[in-house]
Amino acid sequence: MLPPNTNQPVTAARSAVTAVSIALASALAMYYLDPRSGRRRRALLRDRTTHTLRQTRDLLDTAITDARNRAQGLYCTAVARLRPEQVDDQRLAERVRSKLGRVCSHPRALHVEVDKGRVTLRGDILRQELSGVLRAVKHVPGVRDVTNELQVHERAGRMPFLQGNSQRAQPRPEFLQQNWAPAPRVLAAATGAAMIASGVTLRSWAGAGLALGGAALLTRGVSNRPLTRILGLRGRLEDGMTIQKTIHVYADVAEVYACWRQLENFPRFMSHVREVRKLSDKRYHWVVDGPAGIPIEWDAEITADVPGEIIAWRTVPGSVVHSTGVVHFEPDAYGDTRVHVQMTYRPPANAAGRAVAKLLGADPRRQIDADLARFKSYMEVGKTTSAHGVATRH
């Protein structure tokens, strides 16, 4: 009887990864070698690559400066701990007041007195801030001792000097913050890359987990965004992008509104929209081109509709794309129309999906700019051609 093949799961996983890699490489080759649009796509990719390399170089230069400053700060702190400096009372009092402004929500309610390095604190303070304030003052360089004569209050109550200002957030370790400084970002990215390389060489499930963790760390360091936002796990439109544009159309406001309200006409001037199908008076089914030309579908509903003034919409819950938007139509003194568009958009997989879309040339901001320019041309040229047979507006 043959022993069980323990490498079978690893071999199957490796084969799946190979198949996915081949399919992805084929899709990219078809996309960038397309006879009609491949040249433009390759030019955009070249420009983005150059821009990314320049940003990477700038990040590395900033990270080196950040690391040098951090090292100098640690050195000065260590020297100050080993050889406490002699600070006059006035300068030490200013140091303490500066520290109080960072850790106390009402620093003006506190009075600081210094006598030969011994600090006395008087005034009023909320109980929830007391321990943090005392701890911070004790760590101010030059402070020998802290005398606590503060009046502690459970809540602000009616005392005016404790009103307003939210509680100061306590300092958090670097890697627990939402935005990382340049040096920690580069360190995290380098560590993630090393974990990926080590995981690939192990050729086991443990190696796959190590590589996956490295990929997460590398992505976090490069993007400087929390992974929950990158993967779109928060499900909030605020994590997406907001687009605002205004165009001037040489046409009557009623005509511009009527054209926009006929959503079925959108494929005529929006190059990435394949189809808009009416499901009811206020609900429509959209089919658009996603990254690499892959179609994406969702349903959206009109939430506000005032003829000649405003149209607003939002995607229905559960849609693969989450979006809200509003269009305002404003007539000017010459009988033409200003169109104001504001849209919040979160693509599939949020920031990760947005990065893939930009890599493949499907940047929503660029698309909206081009679509609005075509809408302007569609309204102006279409109107004059259908009405008089010649262009009368310029």
Foldseek 3Di string as FASTA:
>chain_A
DDDDDPCVVLVVVVVVVVVVVVVVVVLVCCLLVPPPCNVVLVVLLVVVVVVVVVVVVVLVVQLVVVVVVVVVVVVVLVVCVVPQDQDDFVVLQVLLLVQCVQQAQQSVQWDWGDDRQEIEIEGEGEPVRVVVSVVSSCSRGSHDYYHYHYDYDPDCPPPPSRDDGDGRDDDDPQVVDFAHGSNVLVVQLVVLVVQLVQLVVVSDPVSVVSNVVSVLSNVCSVVRGDLCLQQVVVVDLVSADKDKDKDWAAAALLVLQVCVQPVQCLVVQQVFWDGWADPDNFKIKTWGQAFSRDIAIFMKGWDDDDRSAKTKIWTDPPGQKTKIKMWGWDADPVRITMIMIMMRIAHHSRNNSQVSRVSRPNHPNVSVVRSVVSSSCCVQVVVCCVPPNDRDDD
